[in-house]
Amino acid sequence: FGGYAVGWFRQFPGKEREFVATISWSGGLTYYAD
């Protein structure tokens, strides 16, 4: 798993996938949807 950034997305019926959160490969950086 190391070396990969990982994102979480969600999808509502009939909608495009929406960004939820992401984390850098080290875990040191995280970002969230408002």
Full PDB file with SEQRES, HELIX, SHEET, SSBOND, CRYST1, ORIGX, SCALE, CONECT and MASTER records, all heavy atoms in Angstrom:
SEQRES   1 A   34  PHE GLY GLY TYR ALA VAL GLY TRP PHE ARG GLN PHE PRO          
SEQRES   2 A   34  GLY LYS GLU ARG GLU PHE VAL ALA THR ILE SER TRP SER          
SEQRES   3 A   34  GLY GLY LEU THR TYR TYR ALA ASP                              
SHEET    1 AA1 3 VAL A   6  ARG A  10  0                                        
SHEET    2 AA1 3 GLU A  18  ILE A  23 -1                                        
SHEET    3 AA1 3 THR A  30  TYR A  32 -1                                        
CRYST1    1.000    1.000    1.000  90.00  90.00  90.00 P 1           1          
ORIGX1      1.000000  0.000000  0.000000        0.00000                         
ORIGX2      0.000000  1.000000  0.000000        0.00000                         
ORIGX3      0.000000  0.000000  1.000000        0.00000                         
SCALE1      1.000000  0.000000  0.000000        0.00000                         
SCALE2      0.000000  1.000000  0.000000        0.00000                         
SCALE3      0.000000  0.000000  1.000000        0.00000                         
ATOM      1  N   PHE A   1       0.811  -1.213   0.000  1.00  0.00           N  
ATOM      2  CA  PHE A   1       0.000   0.000   0.000  1.00  0.00           C  
ATOM      3  C   PHE A   1       0.847   1.266   0.000  1.00  0.00           C  
ATOM      4  O   PHE A   1       0.380   2.329  -0.409  1.00  0.00           O  
ATOM      5  CB  PHE A   1      -0.866  -0.017   1.265  1.00  0.00           C  
ATOM      6  CG  PHE A   1      -2.252   0.476   1.076  1.00  0.00           C  
ATOM      7  CD1 PHE A   1      -2.814   0.638  -0.171  1.00  0.00           C  
ATOM      8  CD2 PHE A   1      -3.019   0.796   2.186  1.00  0.00           C  
ATOM      9  CE1 PHE A   1      -4.098   1.089  -0.325  1.00  0.00           C  
ATOM     10  CE2 PHE A   1      -4.307   1.246   2.044  1.00  0.00           C  
ATOM     11  CZ  PHE A   1      -4.855   1.393   0.801  1.00  0.00           C  
ATOM     12  N   GLY A   2       2.040   1.143   0.509  1.00  0.00           N  
ATOM     13  CA  GLY A   2       2.896   2.307   0.590  1.00  0.00           C  
ATOM     14  C   GLY A   2       3.181   2.879  -0.795  1.00  0.00           C  
ATOM     15  O   GLY A   2       3.249   2.144  -1.769  1.00  0.00           O  
ATOM     16  N   GLY A   3       3.309   4.186  -0.850  1.00  0.00           N  
ATOM     17  CA  GLY A   3       3.576   4.844  -2.119  1.00  0.00           C  
ATOM     18  C   GLY A   3       2.320   5.283  -2.849  1.00  0.00           C  
ATOM     19  O   GLY A   3       2.410   5.946  -3.875  1.00  0.00           O  
ATOM     20  N   TYR A   4       1.154   4.914  -2.333  1.00  0.00           N  
ATOM     21  CA  TYR A   4      -0.104   5.289  -2.955  1.00  0.00           C  
ATOM     22  C   TYR A   4      -0.850   6.316  -2.088  1.00  0.00           C  
ATOM     23  O   TYR A   4      -0.992   6.119  -0.882  1.00  0.00           O  
ATOM     24  CB  TYR A   4      -1.023   4.087  -3.115  1.00  0.00           C  
ATOM     25  CG  TYR A   4      -0.592   3.116  -4.192  1.00  0.00           C  
ATOM     26  CD1 TYR A   4       0.261   2.068  -3.894  1.00  0.00           C  
ATOM     27  CD2 TYR A   4      -1.054   3.248  -5.495  1.00  0.00           C  
ATOM     28  CE1 TYR A   4       0.656   1.169  -4.869  1.00  0.00           C  
ATOM     29  CE2 TYR A   4      -0.678   2.345  -6.480  1.00  0.00           C  
ATOM     30  CZ  TYR A   4       0.174   1.315  -6.158  1.00  0.00           C  
ATOM     31  OH  TYR A   4       0.551   0.426  -7.126  1.00  0.00           O  
ATOM     32  N   ALA A   5      -1.350   7.344  -2.724  1.00  0.00           N  
ATOM     33  CA  ALA A   5      -2.343   8.190  -2.065  1.00  0.00           C  
ATOM     34  C   ALA A   5      -3.687   7.467  -2.165  1.00  0.00           C  
ATOM     35  O   ALA A   5      -3.952   6.766  -3.143  1.00  0.00           O  
ATOM     36  CB  ALA A   5      -2.431   9.553  -2.742  1.00  0.00           C  
ATOM     37  N   VAL A   6      -4.507   7.638  -1.174  1.00  0.00           N  
ATOM     38  CA  VAL A   6      -5.805   6.957  -1.127  1.00  0.00           C  
ATOM     39  C   VAL A   6      -6.903   7.979  -0.946  1.00  0.00           C  
ATOM     40  O   VAL A   6      -6.788   8.906  -0.129  1.00  0.00           O  
ATOM     41  CB  VAL A   6      -5.856   5.940   0.021  1.00  0.00           C  
ATOM     42  CG1 VAL A   6      -7.225   5.251   0.056  1.00  0.00           C  
ATOM     43  CG2 VAL A   6      -4.744   4.903  -0.134  1.00  0.00           C  
ATOM     44  N   GLY A   7      -7.943   7.817  -1.712  1.00  0.00           N  
ATOM     45  CA  GLY A   7      -9.092   8.705  -1.600  1.00  0.00           C  
ATOM     46  C   GLY A   7     -10.355   7.930  -1.277  1.00  0.00           C  
ATOM     47  O   GLY A   7     -10.481   6.760  -1.641  1.00  0.00           O  
ATOM     48  N   TRP A   8     -11.248   8.598  -0.579  1.00  0.00           N  
ATOM     49  CA  TRP A   8     -12.611   8.089  -0.375  1.00  0.00           C  
ATOM     50  C   TRP A   8     -13.552   8.988  -1.170  1.00  0.00           C  
ATOM     51  O   TRP A   8     -13.457  10.220  -1.087  1.00  0.00           O  
ATOM     52  CB  TRP A   8     -13.008   8.105   1.093  1.00  0.00           C  
ATOM     53  CG  TRP A   8     -12.442   6.989   1.913  1.00  0.00           C  
ATOM     54  CD1 TRP A   8     -11.353   7.038   2.723  1.00  0.00           C  
ATOM     55  CD2 TRP A   8     -12.954   5.654   2.027  1.00  0.00           C  
ATOM     56  NE1 TRP A   8     -11.144   5.823   3.327  1.00  0.00           N  
ATOM     57  CE2 TRP A   8     -12.115   4.955   2.923  1.00  0.00           C  
ATOM     58  CE3 TRP A   8     -14.036   4.983   1.467  1.00  0.00           C  
ATOM     59  CZ2 TRP A   8     -12.331   3.617   3.257  1.00  0.00           C  
ATOM     60  CZ3 TRP A   8     -14.250   3.658   1.796  1.00  0.00           C  
ATOM     61  CH2 TRP A   8     -13.393   2.988   2.680  1.00  0.00           C  
ATOM     62  N   PHE A   9     -14.442   8.356  -1.901  1.00  0.00           N  
ATOM     63  CA  PHE A   9     -15.474   9.058  -2.653  1.00  0.00           C  
ATOM     64  C   PHE A   9     -16.813   8.427  -2.293  1.00  0.00           C  
ATOM     65  O   PHE A   9     -16.877   7.321  -1.758  1.00  0.00           O  
ATOM     66  CB  PHE A   9     -15.225   8.912  -4.160  1.00  0.00           C  
ATOM     67  CG  PHE A   9     -14.054   9.713  -4.659  1.00  0.00           C  
ATOM     68  CD1 PHE A   9     -12.751   9.306  -4.409  1.00  0.00           C  
ATOM     69  CD2 PHE A   9     -14.251  10.885  -5.373  1.00  0.00           C  
ATOM     70  CE1 PHE A   9     -11.671  10.047  -4.844  1.00  0.00           C  
ATOM     71  CE2 PHE A   9     -13.175  11.631  -5.826  1.00  0.00           C  
ATOM     72  CZ  PHE A   9     -11.885  11.208  -5.560  1.00  0.00           C  
ATOM     73  N   ARG A  10     -17.878   9.134  -2.609  1.00  0.00           N  
ATOM     74  CA  ARG A  10     -19.204   8.567  -2.421  1.00  0.00           C  
ATOM     75  C   ARG A  10     -20.061   8.896  -3.628  1.00  0.00           C  
ATOM     76  O   ARG A  10     -19.808   9.875  -4.339  1.00  0.00           O  
ATOM     77  CB  ARG A  10     -19.836   9.058  -1.126  1.00  0.00           C  
ATOM     78  CG  ARG A  10     -20.077  10.546  -1.041  1.00  0.00           C  
ATOM     79  CD  ARG A  10     -20.532  10.916   0.369  1.00  0.00           C  
ATOM     80  NE  ARG A  10     -20.797  12.340   0.495  1.00  0.00           N  
ATOM     81  CZ  ARG A  10     -21.113  12.939   1.640  1.00  0.00           C  
ATOM     82  NH1 ARG A  10     -21.212  12.227   2.766  1.00  0.00           N  
ATOM     83  NH2 ARG A  10     -21.339  14.235   1.675  1.00  0.00           N  
ATOM     84  N   GLN A  11     -21.049   8.066  -3.812  1.00  0.00           N  
ATOM     85  CA  GLN A  11     -21.912   8.247  -4.967  1.00  0.00           C  
ATOM     86  C   GLN A  11     -23.362   8.123  -4.558  1.00  0.00           C  
ATOM     87  O   GLN A  11     -23.772   7.115  -3.964  1.00  0.00           O  
ATOM     88  CB  GLN A  11     -21.581   7.218  -6.049  1.00  0.00           C  
ATOM     89  CG  GLN A  11     -22.252   7.467  -7.379  1.00  0.00           C  
ATOM     90  CD  GLN A  11     -21.633   6.649  -8.494  1.00  0.00           C  
ATOM     91  OE1 GLN A  11     -21.017   5.610  -8.260  1.00  0.00           O  
ATOM     92  NE2 GLN A  11     -21.795   7.118  -9.720  1.00  0.00           N  
ATOM     93  N   PHE A  12     -24.117   9.171  -4.879  1.00  0.00           N  
ATOM     94  CA  PHE A  12     -25.557   9.176  -4.655  1.00  0.00           C  
ATOM     95  C   PHE A  12     -26.227   8.645  -5.909  1.00  0.00           C  
ATOM     96  O   PHE A  12     -25.687   8.766  -7.007  1.00  0.00           O  
ATOM     97  CB  PHE A  12     -26.034  10.589  -4.337  1.00  0.00           C  
ATOM     98  CG  PHE A  12     -25.290  11.247  -3.208  1.00  0.00           C  
ATOM     99  CD1 PHE A  12     -24.398  12.275  -3.460  1.00  0.00           C  
ATOM    100  CD2 PHE A  12     -25.469  10.835  -1.902  1.00  0.00           C  
ATOM    101  CE1 PHE A  12     -23.704  12.889  -2.425  1.00  0.00           C  
ATOM    102  CE2 PHE A  12     -24.780  11.437  -0.861  1.00  0.00           C  
ATOM    103  CZ  PHE A  12     -23.890  12.454  -1.127  1.00  0.00           C  
ATOM    104  N   PRO A  13     -27.425   8.076  -5.779  1.00  0.00           N  
ATOM    105  CA  PRO A  13     -28.108   7.536  -6.958  1.00  0.00           C  
ATOM    106  C   PRO A  13     -28.239   8.575  -8.066  1.00  0.00           C  
ATOM    107  O   PRO A  13     -28.692   9.702  -7.825  1.00  0.00           O  
ATOM    108  CB  PRO A  13     -29.481   7.135  -6.399  1.00  0.00           C  
ATOM    109  CG  PRO A  13     -29.233   6.853  -4.962  1.00  0.00           C  
ATOM    110  CD  PRO A  13     -28.174   7.832  -4.536  1.00  0.00           C  
ATOM    111  N   GLY A  14     -27.809   8.204  -9.247  1.00  0.00           N  
ATOM    112  CA  GLY A  14     -27.944   9.082 -10.392  1.00  0.00           C  
ATOM    113  C   GLY A  14     -26.942  10.221 -10.451  1.00  0.00           C  
ATOM    114  O   GLY A  14     -27.056  11.105 -11.302  1.00  0.00           O  
ATOM    115  N   LYS A  15     -25.959  10.216  -9.557  1.00  0.00           N  
ATOM    116  CA  LYS A  15     -24.986  11.305  -9.497  1.00  0.00           C  
ATOM    117  C   LYS A  15     -23.580  10.778  -9.768  1.00  0.00           C  
ATOM    118  O   LYS A  15     -23.315   9.577  -9.673  1.00  0.00           O  
ATOM    119  CB  LYS A  15     -25.012  11.965  -8.116  1.00  0.00           C  
ATOM    120  CG  LYS A  15     -26.352  12.531  -7.717  1.00  0.00           C  
ATOM    121  CD  LYS A  15     -26.681  13.792  -8.481  1.00  0.00           C  
ATOM    122  CE  LYS A  15     -27.928  14.448  -7.919  1.00  0.00           C  
ATOM    123  NZ  LYS A  15     -28.262  15.682  -8.669  1.00  0.00           N  
ATOM    124  N   GLU A  16     -22.671  11.707 -10.077  1.00  0.00           N  
ATOM    125  CA  GLU A  16     -21.263  11.368 -10.213  1.00  0.00           C  
ATOM    126  C   GLU A  16     -20.663  11.108  -8.833  1.00  0.00           C  
ATOM    127  O   GLU A  16     -21.192  11.562  -7.820  1.00  0.00           O  
ATOM    128  CB  GLU A  16     -20.508  12.530 -10.872  1.00  0.00           C  
ATOM    129  CG  GLU A  16     -20.957  12.876 -12.273  1.00  0.00           C  
ATOM    130  CD  GLU A  16     -20.502  11.845 -13.275  1.00  0.00           C  
ATOM    131  OE1 GLU A  16     -19.355  11.349 -13.132  1.00  0.00           O  
ATOM    132  OE2 GLU A  16     -21.274  11.512 -14.181  1.00  0.00           O  
ATOM    133  N   ARG A  17     -19.543  10.390  -8.836  1.00  0.00           N  
ATOM    134  CA  ARG A  17     -18.846  10.176  -7.569  1.00  0.00           C  
ATOM    135  C   ARG A  17     -18.342  11.500  -7.024  1.00  0.00           C  
ATOM    136  O   ARG A  17     -17.800  12.325  -7.770  1.00  0.00           O  
ATOM    137  CB  ARG A  17     -17.690   9.187  -7.762  1.00  0.00           C  
ATOM    138  CG  ARG A  17     -18.208   7.791  -7.989  1.00  0.00           C  
ATOM    139  CD  ARG A  17     -17.115   6.771  -8.113  1.00  0.00           C  
ATOM    140  NE  ARG A  17     -17.712   5.489  -8.504  1.00  0.00           N  
ATOM    141  CZ  ARG A  17     -17.047   4.365  -8.688  1.00  0.00           C  
ATOM    142  NH1 ARG A  17     -15.728   4.350  -8.519  1.00  0.00           N  
ATOM    143  NH2 ARG A  17     -17.670   3.258  -9.038  1.00  0.00           N  
ATOM    144  N   GLU A  18     -18.470  11.667  -5.722  1.00  0.00           N  
ATOM    145  CA  GLU A  18     -18.148  12.923  -5.048  1.00  0.00           C  
ATOM    146  C   GLU A  18     -16.988  12.696  -4.088  1.00  0.00           C  
ATOM    147  O   GLU A  18     -16.973  11.723  -3.326  1.00  0.00           O  
ATOM    148  CB  GLU A  18     -19.394  13.381  -4.280  1.00  0.00           C  
ATOM    149  CG  GLU A  18     -19.208  14.522  -3.318  1.00  0.00           C  
ATOM    150  CD  GLU A  18     -20.471  14.794  -2.526  1.00  0.00           C  
ATOM    151  OE1 GLU A  18     -21.421  15.334  -3.098  1.00  0.00           O  
ATOM    152  OE2 GLU A  18     -20.491  14.455  -1.328  1.00  0.00           O  
ATOM    153  N   PHE A  19     -16.033  13.610  -4.124  1.00  0.00           N  
ATOM    154  CA  PHE A  19     -14.882  13.512  -3.233  1.00  0.00           C  
ATOM    155  C   PHE A  19     -15.306  13.632  -1.777  1.00  0.00           C  
ATOM    156  O   PHE A  19     -16.138  14.485  -1.431  1.00  0.00           O  
ATOM    157  CB  PHE A  19     -13.889  14.617  -3.583  1.00  0.00           C  
ATOM    158  CG  PHE A  19     -12.781  14.781  -2.580  1.00  0.00           C  
ATOM    159  CD1 PHE A  19     -11.751  13.861  -2.506  1.00  0.00           C  
ATOM    160  CD2 PHE A  19     -12.778  15.859  -1.706  1.00  0.00           C  
ATOM    161  CE1 PHE A  19     -10.736  14.001  -1.575  1.00  0.00           C  
ATOM    162  CE2 PHE A  19     -11.778  16.026  -0.774  1.00  0.00           C  
ATOM    163  CZ  PHE A  19     -10.746  15.086  -0.706  1.00  0.00           C  
ATOM    164  N   VAL A  20     -14.708  12.786  -0.937  1.00  0.00           N  
ATOM    165  CA  VAL A  20     -14.969  12.839   0.496  1.00  0.00           C  
ATOM    166  C   VAL A  20     -13.697  13.215   1.261  1.00  0.00           C  
ATOM    167  O   VAL A  20     -13.682  14.160   2.042  1.00  0.00           O  
ATOM    168  CB  VAL A  20     -15.505  11.489   1.010  1.00  0.00           C  
ATOM    169  CG1 VAL A  20     -15.649  11.518   2.529  1.00  0.00           C  
ATOM    170  CG2 VAL A  20     -16.840  11.154   0.351  1.00  0.00           C  
ATOM    171  N   ALA A  21     -12.621  12.441   1.035  1.00  0.00           N  
ATOM    172  CA  ALA A  21     -11.379  12.674   1.772  1.00  0.00           C  
ATOM    173  C   ALA A  21     -10.234  11.996   1.037  1.00  0.00           C  
ATOM    174  O   ALA A  21     -10.451  11.054   0.264  1.00  0.00           O  
ATOM    175  CB  ALA A  21     -11.479  12.133   3.197  1.00  0.00           C  
ATOM    176  N   THR A  22      -9.023  12.485   1.289  1.00  0.00           N  
ATOM    177  CA  THR A  22      -7.852  11.853   0.714  1.00  0.00           C  
ATOM    178  C   THR A  22      -6.700  11.928   1.707  1.00  0.00           C  
ATOM    179  O   THR A  22      -6.664  12.816   2.562  1.00  0.00           O  
ATOM    180  CB  THR A  22      -7.461  12.504  -0.630  1.00  0.00           C  
ATOM    181  OG1 THR A  22      -6.415  11.742  -1.245  1.00  0.00           O  
ATOM    182  CG2 THR A  22      -6.989  13.937  -0.435  1.00  0.00           C  
ATOM    183  N   ILE A  23      -5.789  10.976   1.592  1.00  0.00           N  
ATOM    184  CA  ILE A  23      -4.649  10.915   2.493  1.00  0.00           C  
ATOM    185  C   ILE A  23      -3.407  10.579   1.676  1.00  0.00           C  
ATOM    186  O   ILE A  23      -3.446   9.758   0.760  1.00  0.00           O  
ATOM    187  CB  ILE A  23      -4.900   9.875   3.613  1.00  0.00           C  
ATOM    188  CG1 ILE A  23      -3.799   9.918   4.672  1.00  0.00           C  
ATOM    189  CG2 ILE A  23      -5.065   8.471   3.052  1.00  0.00           C  
ATOM    190  CD1 ILE A  23      -4.169   9.159   5.948  1.00  0.00           C  
ATOM    191  N   SER A  24      -2.302  11.237   2.004  1.00  0.00           N  
ATOM    192  CA  SER A  24      -1.047  10.998   1.303  1.00  0.00           C  
ATOM    193  C   SER A  24      -0.484   9.628   1.670  1.00  0.00           C  
ATOM    194  O   SER A  24      -0.932   8.982   2.626  1.00  0.00           O  
ATOM    195  CB  SER A  24      -0.037  12.087   1.655  1.00  0.00           C  
ATOM    196  OG  SER A  24       0.239  12.062   3.052  1.00  0.00           O  
ATOM    197  N   TRP A  25       0.532   9.193   0.932  1.00  0.00           N  
ATOM    198  CA  TRP A  25       1.061   7.838   1.130  1.00  0.00           C  
ATOM    199  C   TRP A  25       1.621   7.672   2.536  1.00  0.00           C  
ATOM    200  O   TRP A  25       1.577   6.576   3.101  1.00  0.00           O  
ATOM    201  CB  TRP A  25       2.129   7.523   0.086  1.00  0.00           C  
ATOM    202  CG  TRP A  25       3.393   8.304   0.256  1.00  0.00           C  
ATOM    203  CD1 TRP A  25       3.701   9.503  -0.309  1.00  0.00           C  
ATOM    204  CD2 TRP A  25       4.528   7.946   1.055  1.00  0.00           C  
ATOM    205  NE1 TRP A  25       4.947   9.909   0.086  1.00  0.00           N  
ATOM    206  CE2 TRP A  25       5.480   8.977   0.927  1.00  0.00           C  
ATOM    207  CE3 TRP A  25       4.839   6.850   1.857  1.00  0.00           C  
ATOM    208  CZ2 TRP A  25       6.706   8.948   1.575  1.00  0.00           C  
ATOM    209  CZ3 TRP A  25       6.063   6.810   2.507  1.00  0.00           C  
ATOM    210  CH2 TRP A  25       6.976   7.861   2.361  1.00  0.00           C  
ATOM    211  N   SER A  26       2.162   8.736   3.100  1.00  0.00           N  
ATOM    212  CA  SER A  26       2.737   8.645   4.442  1.00  0.00           C  
ATOM    213  C   SER A  26       1.706   8.832   5.541  1.00  0.00           C  
ATOM    214  O   SER A  26       1.968   8.541   6.706  1.00  0.00           O  
ATOM    215  CB  SER A  26       3.826   9.702   4.616  1.00  0.00           C  
ATOM    216  OG  SER A  26       3.240  10.988   4.624  1.00  0.00           O  
ATOM    217  N   GLY A  27       0.545   9.367   5.152  1.00  0.00           N  
ATOM    218  CA  GLY A  27      -0.471   9.694   6.147  1.00  0.00           C  
ATOM    219  C   GLY A  27      -0.309  11.079   6.727  1.00  0.00           C  
ATOM    220  O   GLY A  27      -1.111  11.508   7.550  1.00  0.00           O  
ATOM    221  N   GLY A  28       0.717  11.798   6.284  1.00  0.00           N  
ATOM    222  CA  GLY A  28       0.995  13.099   6.860  1.00  0.00           C  
ATOM    223  C   GLY A  28       0.098  14.211   6.367  1.00  0.00           C  
ATOM    224  O   GLY A  28       0.005  15.265   6.999  1.00  0.00           O  
ATOM    225  N   LEU A  29      -0.537  14.003   5.222  1.00  0.00           N  
ATOM    226  CA  LEU A  29      -1.416  15.024   4.652  1.00  0.00           C  
ATOM    227  C   LEU A  29      -2.805  14.439   4.456  1.00  0.00           C  
ATOM    228  O   LEU A  29      -2.955  13.347   3.899  1.00  0.00           O  
ATOM    229  CB  LEU A  29      -0.867  15.496   3.303  1.00  0.00           C  
ATOM    230  CG  LEU A  29       0.474  16.232   3.326  1.00  0.00           C  
ATOM    231  CD1 LEU A  29       0.950  16.493   1.902  1.00  0.00           C  
ATOM    232  CD2 LEU A  29       0.354  17.547   4.093  1.00  0.00           C  
ATOM    233  N   THR A  30      -3.792  15.182   4.911  1.00  0.00           N  
ATOM    234  CA  THR A  30      -5.181  14.763   4.720  1.00  0.00           C  
ATOM    235  C   THR A  30      -5.999  15.975   4.282  1.00  0.00           C  
ATOM    236  O   THR A  30      -5.717  17.114   4.684  1.00  0.00           O  
ATOM    237  CB  THR A  30      -5.788  14.190   6.009  1.00  0.00           C  
ATOM    238  OG1 THR A  30      -5.709  15.165   7.057  1.00  0.00           O  
ATOM    239  CG2 THR A  30      -5.055  12.928   6.449  1.00  0.00           C  
ATOM    240  N   TYR A  31      -6.995  15.709   3.457  1.00  0.00           N  
ATOM    241  CA  TYR A  31      -7.885  16.762   2.979  1.00  0.00           C  
ATOM    242  C   TYR A  31      -9.309  16.209   2.972  1.00  0.00           C  
ATOM    243  O   TYR A  31      -9.516  15.012   2.745  1.00  0.00           O  
ATOM    244  CB  TYR A  31      -7.493  17.221   1.578  1.00  0.00           C  
ATOM    245  CG  TYR A  31      -6.123  17.836   1.520  1.00  0.00           C  
ATOM    246  CD1 TYR A  31      -5.004  17.060   1.267  1.00  0.00           C  
ATOM    247  CD2 TYR A  31      -5.937  19.204   1.744  1.00  0.00           C  
ATOM    248  CE1 TYR A  31      -3.741  17.615   1.238  1.00  0.00           C  
ATOM    249  CE2 TYR A  31      -4.673  19.763   1.704  1.00  0.00           C  
ATOM    250  CZ  TYR A  31      -3.580  18.964   1.452  1.00  0.00           C  
ATOM    251  OH  TYR A  31      -2.330  19.518   1.427  1.00  0.00           O  
ATOM    252  N   TYR A  32     -10.261  17.113   3.211  1.00  0.00           N  
ATOM    253  CA  TYR A  32     -11.653  16.700   3.322  1.00  0.00           C  
ATOM    254  C   TYR A  32     -12.556  17.619   2.507  1.00  0.00           C  
ATOM    255  O   TYR A  32     -12.281  18.809   2.343  1.00  0.00           O  
ATOM    256  CB  TYR A  32     -12.107  16.761   4.790  1.00  0.00           C  
ATOM    257  CG  TYR A  32     -11.332  15.849   5.703  1.00  0.00           C  
ATOM    258  CD1 TYR A  32     -10.178  16.296   6.349  1.00  0.00           C  
ATOM    259  CD2 TYR A  32     -11.737  14.530   5.909  1.00  0.00           C  
ATOM    260  CE1 TYR A  32      -9.454  15.451   7.179  1.00  0.00           C  
ATOM    261  CE2 TYR A  32     -11.015  13.683   6.747  1.00  0.00           C  
ATOM    262  CZ  TYR A  32      -9.877  14.152   7.366  1.00  0.00           C  
ATOM    263  OH  TYR A  32      -9.164  13.310   8.193  1.00  0.00           O  
ATOM    264  N   ALA A  33     -13.653  17.058   2.048  1.00  0.00           N  
ATOM    265  CA  ALA A  33     -14.710  17.882   1.478  1.00  0.00           C  
ATOM    266  C   ALA A  33     -15.326  18.718   2.587  1.00  0.00           C  
ATOM    267  O   ALA A  33     -15.393  18.283   3.744  1.00  0.00           O  
ATOM    268  CB  ALA A  33     -15.774  16.988   0.837  1.00  0.00           C  
ATOM    269  N   ASP A  34     -15.776  19.901   2.235  1.00  0.00           N  
ATOM    270  CA  ASP A  34     -16.374  20.780   3.240  1.00  0.00           C  
ATOM    271  C   ASP A  34     -17.560  20.120   3.927  1.00  0.00           C  
ATOM    272  O   ASP A  34     -17.804  20.349   5.117  1.00  0.00           O  
ATOM    273  CB  ASP A  34     -16.823  22.087   2.588  1.00  0.00           C  
ATOM    274  CG  ASP A  34     -15.645  22.978   2.213  1.00  0.00           C  
ATOM    275  OD1 ASP A  34     -14.528  22.760   2.725  1.00  0.00           O  
ATOM    276  OD2 ASP A  34     -15.846  23.891   1.387  1.00  0.00           O  
TER     277      ASP A  34                                                      
MASTER        0    0    0    0    3    0    0    6  276    1    0    3          
END                                                                             
